Structures are given as structure tokens and as C-alpha cells.
Amino acid sequence: MSLKSCCGKSSDLSSTTQESQKIDESILNKINQILQIVIEENKNLKNYSEKLKSQKKMPFNSNFIPSISPKKYIDRIAKYTEVEESTLIIALIYIDRICEMAKIILTPFNIHRIIFTSILLAIKYNEDIVFDFEFYAQVAGIPLKELKILEIEFSVLLKFKFFVNNRVFENYKLYIDDIEDDENNK
């Protein structure tokens, strides 16, 4: 689906104001903590090097670790997209699903692209107002063509299962709420 600017939302990063609805910083910290724990646990997997090689050809994998931390990247996405808290929870569910369904392991080389693509798909599924695709590419710092490829690949790996039932959503929300916010984990 191709999206154009709708509902008067600007597609210029510089015009996004600080007055827009701010998301609670603690959920951003907690989601980052969860993802960092998974990445660290994955490094201890028995066949970590082998799994890294098998994922190397996937479009989510980068040849280098981006200079922006995953936490600052999540903050950037939240700031410019004005994403809702429920959308972030759905994005986390999507990440969990593709890791399970496609046997993807989260690494410092793929986490940024996986984070952004999951949030993009969650926005499209969960929110009433979306920006145009060029804007999302600018926020992600990813060329438009590449972002489209990531979206398609993620959707296929997810087997287009975007629906999240209330029970699953509430379980993830409770899990996130129970995490102690570690503001130092950046």
C-alpha cells in the first residue's frame, strides 16, 4: 500500500514541533532494555557466529553497527512519528513474532532496521493518521527503496499476521509495566 501525506501531517522533519503529544519516556527506556537484554542473551547462544552468517544476506542486516544507539534511535522515531504507546507495544510483539517464526536473532547489526520496520508496520496497522513513506525513510535514515524492501520482507516473515488480540497485547503491556525503568541503559 502506498501512502501519501494525509490528514495534514507534515512530511518535513524540521516542522515537527515539541508541542506534539509526548510519549512517556519510561516506555521507551523499557522497550530498549528488553531489546538490549535479548541482544546480549543472543551473543551467548551456542551457534551465535553460525546464526550471524546465516542472517547476513537478510535486508535487516547491516555491514556495520550504526553510530546511533538503539535507545536514541527509538527516541528519534518516537519524537518525529508521534507514535502511540500502544503502537510501540504492538511493534515489540511483531519483533517477537518474527524472531520466533523466522528464527531471526537480534544483533547490533540488525536491531535498528528491525525496530524501525516493526514500528512502521505497527503504525500502519494501529494508527489512524500516518505520514507519507518518504517521511518515514527520512526518520529512519534509510533510503526509500531500501525501506520498502524492509517492509515487504518483514511482512512476509510475519506471514502478514498483523492482528494482535487483546490478551496478547495486555500480557506484553503488563510485562513492560513490570520492568523497572533503568534510565541509565542507553
Protein backbone atom coordinates (compact mmCIF):
# COMPACT_ATOMS: atom_id res chain seq x y z
CA MET A 1 0.00 0.00 0.00
CA SER A 2 1.38 3.39 -0.99
CA LEU A 3 0.67 6.20 1.42
CA LYS A 4 0.72 9.90 0.57
CA SER A 5 0.55 12.76 3.03
CA CYS A 6 -2.79 12.57 4.72
CA CYS A 7 -4.73 14.49 7.30
CA GLY A 8 -2.43 17.49 7.04
CA LYS A 9 0.57 15.87 8.75
CA SER A 10 3.78 17.44 7.54
CA SER A 11 6.44 15.31 5.94
CA ASP A 12 9.24 17.70 6.92
CA LEU A 13 11.32 16.66 9.93
CA SER A 14 12.15 20.25 10.78
CA SER A 15 8.49 21.18 11.15
CA THR A 16 7.69 18.59 13.83
CA THR A 17 7.12 20.60 16.99
CA GLN A 18 7.87 19.95 20.61
CA GLU A 19 4.20 20.70 21.31
CA SER A 20 3.11 17.38 19.84
CA GLN A 21 1.88 14.75 22.24
CA LYS A 22 4.91 13.30 24.02
CA ILE A 23 5.10 9.62 24.79
CA ASP A 24 6.10 8.57 28.30
CA GLU A 25 9.90 8.27 28.31
CA SER A 26 9.77 5.24 30.58
CA ILE A 27 8.16 3.01 27.93
CA LEU A 28 10.93 3.95 25.50
CA ASN A 29 13.53 3.06 28.15
CA LYS A 30 11.82 -0.22 28.96
CA ILE A 31 11.50 -1.33 25.34
CA ASN A 32 15.17 -0.52 24.84
CA GLN A 33 16.05 -2.56 27.96
CA ILE A 34 14.11 -5.55 26.66
CA LEU A 35 15.82 -5.41 23.27
CA GLN A 36 19.28 -4.95 24.81
CA ILE A 37 18.76 -7.97 27.08
CA VAL A 38 17.74 -10.10 24.10
CA ILE A 39 20.77 -8.96 22.08
CA GLU A 40 23.11 -9.79 24.98
CA GLU A 41 21.48 -13.19 25.54
CA ASN A 42 21.78 -13.94 21.82
CA LYS A 43 25.54 -13.36 22.00
CA ASN A 44 25.70 -16.33 24.39
CA LEU A 45 23.92 -18.71 22.02
CA LYS A 46 25.84 -21.85 21.21
CA ASN A 47 25.89 -21.22 17.44
CA TYR A 48 25.93 -17.41 17.51
CA SER A 49 28.59 -17.00 14.78
CA GLU A 50 26.84 -19.50 12.55
CA LYS A 51 23.48 -17.78 13.03
CA LEU A 52 25.04 -14.40 12.25
CA LYS A 53 26.38 -15.76 8.96
CA SER A 54 23.00 -17.20 8.01
CA GLN A 55 21.32 -13.84 8.60
CA LYS A 56 23.95 -11.83 6.73
CA LYS A 57 22.00 -11.84 3.46
CA MET A 58 18.79 -10.62 5.07
CA PRO A 59 17.91 -6.99 4.30
CA PHE A 60 17.76 -6.16 8.02
CA ASN A 61 21.45 -6.87 8.48
CA SER A 62 23.89 -4.00 8.18
CA ASN A 63 27.58 -4.37 7.39
CA PHE A 64 28.38 -2.09 10.32
CA ILE A 65 26.85 -1.17 13.66
CA PRO A 66 25.13 2.23 13.34
CA SER A 67 26.66 5.05 15.38
CA ILE A 68 23.30 5.92 16.97
CA SER A 69 22.40 3.72 19.94
CA PRO A 70 19.17 1.72 19.75
CA LYS A 71 17.78 3.86 22.61
CA LYS A 72 18.49 7.13 20.82
CA TYR A 73 17.07 5.62 17.63
CA ILE A 74 13.82 4.67 19.41
CA ASP A 75 13.70 8.19 20.90
CA ARG A 76 14.15 9.69 17.43
CA ILE A 77 11.38 7.55 15.98
CA ALA A 78 9.01 8.48 18.82
CA LYS A 79 9.82 12.18 18.51
CA TYR A 80 9.23 12.51 14.79
CA THR A 81 6.46 9.96 14.19
CA GLU A 82 4.40 10.86 17.27
CA VAL A 83 3.85 7.14 17.72
CA GLU A 84 1.32 5.98 20.29
CA GLU A 85 2.31 3.81 23.26
CA SER A 86 0.02 1.02 22.08
CA THR A 87 1.78 1.04 18.71
CA LEU A 88 5.16 0.56 20.40
CA ILE A 89 3.79 -2.44 22.27
CA ILE A 90 2.46 -3.90 19.03
CA ALA A 91 5.86 -3.30 17.39
CA LEU A 92 7.53 -5.26 20.20
CA ILE A 93 5.05 -8.10 19.62
CA TYR A 94 5.91 -8.05 15.89
CA ILE A 95 9.63 -8.26 16.70
CA ASP A 96 8.98 -11.20 18.98
CA ARG A 97 6.90 -12.89 16.28
CA ILE A 98 9.49 -12.64 13.51
CA CYS A 99 12.24 -13.79 15.85
CA GLU A 100 10.16 -16.84 16.67
CA MET A 101 8.63 -17.51 13.24
CA ALA A 102 11.70 -16.76 11.10
CA LYS A 103 14.34 -17.78 13.66
CA ILE A 104 15.91 -14.33 13.49
CA ILE A 105 18.24 -13.38 16.29
CA LEU A 106 18.55 -9.74 17.27
CA THR A 107 22.06 -8.39 16.95
CA PRO A 108 23.73 -4.97 16.98
CA PHE A 109 23.85 -5.32 13.16
CA ASN A 110 20.08 -5.71 12.61
CA ILE A 111 18.34 -4.15 15.60
CA HIS A 112 17.92 -0.65 14.13
CA ARG A 113 16.26 -1.82 10.92
CA ILE A 114 14.11 -4.34 12.75
CA ILE A 115 13.00 -1.71 15.28
CA PHE A 116 12.07 0.79 12.62
CA THR A 117 10.30 -1.66 10.34
CA SER A 118 8.27 -3.12 13.21
CA ILE A 119 7.21 0.36 14.33
CA LEU A 120 6.35 1.35 10.75
CA LEU A 121 4.11 -1.68 10.30
CA ALA A 122 2.54 -1.20 13.73
CA ILE A 123 1.78 2.45 12.86
CA LYS A 124 0.12 1.38 9.61
CA TYR A 125 -1.90 -1.26 11.44
CA ASN A 126 -2.79 0.61 14.64
CA GLU A 127 -2.93 4.34 13.98
CA ASP A 128 -5.48 6.45 12.17
CA ILE A 129 -3.05 9.06 10.88
CA VAL A 130 0.19 8.19 9.10
CA PHE A 131 2.91 10.20 7.40
CA ASP A 132 3.96 9.64 3.80
CA PHE A 133 6.53 6.94 3.10
CA GLU A 134 9.28 9.42 2.20
CA PHE A 135 8.98 10.93 5.67
CA TYR A 136 9.44 7.52 7.32
CA ALA A 137 12.55 6.89 5.22
CA GLN A 138 13.94 10.24 6.37
CA VAL A 139 13.24 9.46 10.05
CA ALA A 140 14.80 6.00 9.68
CA GLY A 141 17.85 7.31 7.87
CA ILE A 142 17.27 4.60 5.26
CA PRO A 143 16.87 5.11 1.50
CA LEU A 144 13.23 4.92 0.41
CA LYS A 145 13.77 1.89 -1.85
CA GLU A 146 15.50 0.00 0.97
CA LEU A 147 12.73 0.83 3.45
CA LYS A 148 10.14 -0.57 1.04
CA ILE A 149 12.17 -3.79 0.80
CA LEU A 150 12.40 -3.99 4.61
CA GLU A 151 8.64 -3.51 4.93
CA ILE A 152 7.88 -6.26 2.42
CA GLU A 153 10.42 -8.69 3.94
CA PHE A 154 9.18 -8.08 7.48
CA SER A 155 5.54 -8.55 6.37
CA VAL A 156 6.39 -11.82 4.64
CA LEU A 157 8.35 -13.11 7.65
CA LEU A 158 5.40 -12.11 9.83
CA LYS A 159 3.20 -14.03 7.37
CA PHE A 160 1.09 -10.86 7.26
CA LYS A 161 -0.20 -11.61 10.77
CA PHE A 162 -0.61 -8.03 11.95
CA PHE A 163 -3.60 -8.62 14.22
CA VAL A 164 -2.81 -8.71 17.94
CA ASN A 165 -5.57 -9.96 20.19
CA ASN A 166 -6.32 -8.15 23.45
CA ARG A 167 -4.98 -10.93 25.68
CA VAL A 168 -1.59 -10.94 23.97
CA PHE A 169 -1.45 -7.14 23.96
CA GLU A 170 -2.32 -6.93 27.67
CA ASN A 171 0.29 -9.60 28.55
CA TYR A 172 3.02 -7.62 26.80
CA LYS A 173 1.80 -4.36 28.36
CA LEU A 174 1.89 -5.93 31.84
CA TYR A 175 5.36 -7.32 31.19
CA ILE A 176 6.62 -3.88 30.12
CA ASP A 177 4.89 -2.18 33.06
CA ASP A 178 6.58 -4.61 35.49
CA ILE A 179 10.07 -3.74 34.29
CA GLU A 180 11.92 -1.29 36.47
CA ASP A 181 12.84 1.73 34.35
CA ASP A 182 16.60 1.89 34.06
CA GLU A 183 17.25 5.35 32.67
CA ASN A 184 20.97 4.62 32.57
CA ASN A 185 20.51 1.89 29.94
CA LYS A 186 21.13 3.98 26.86
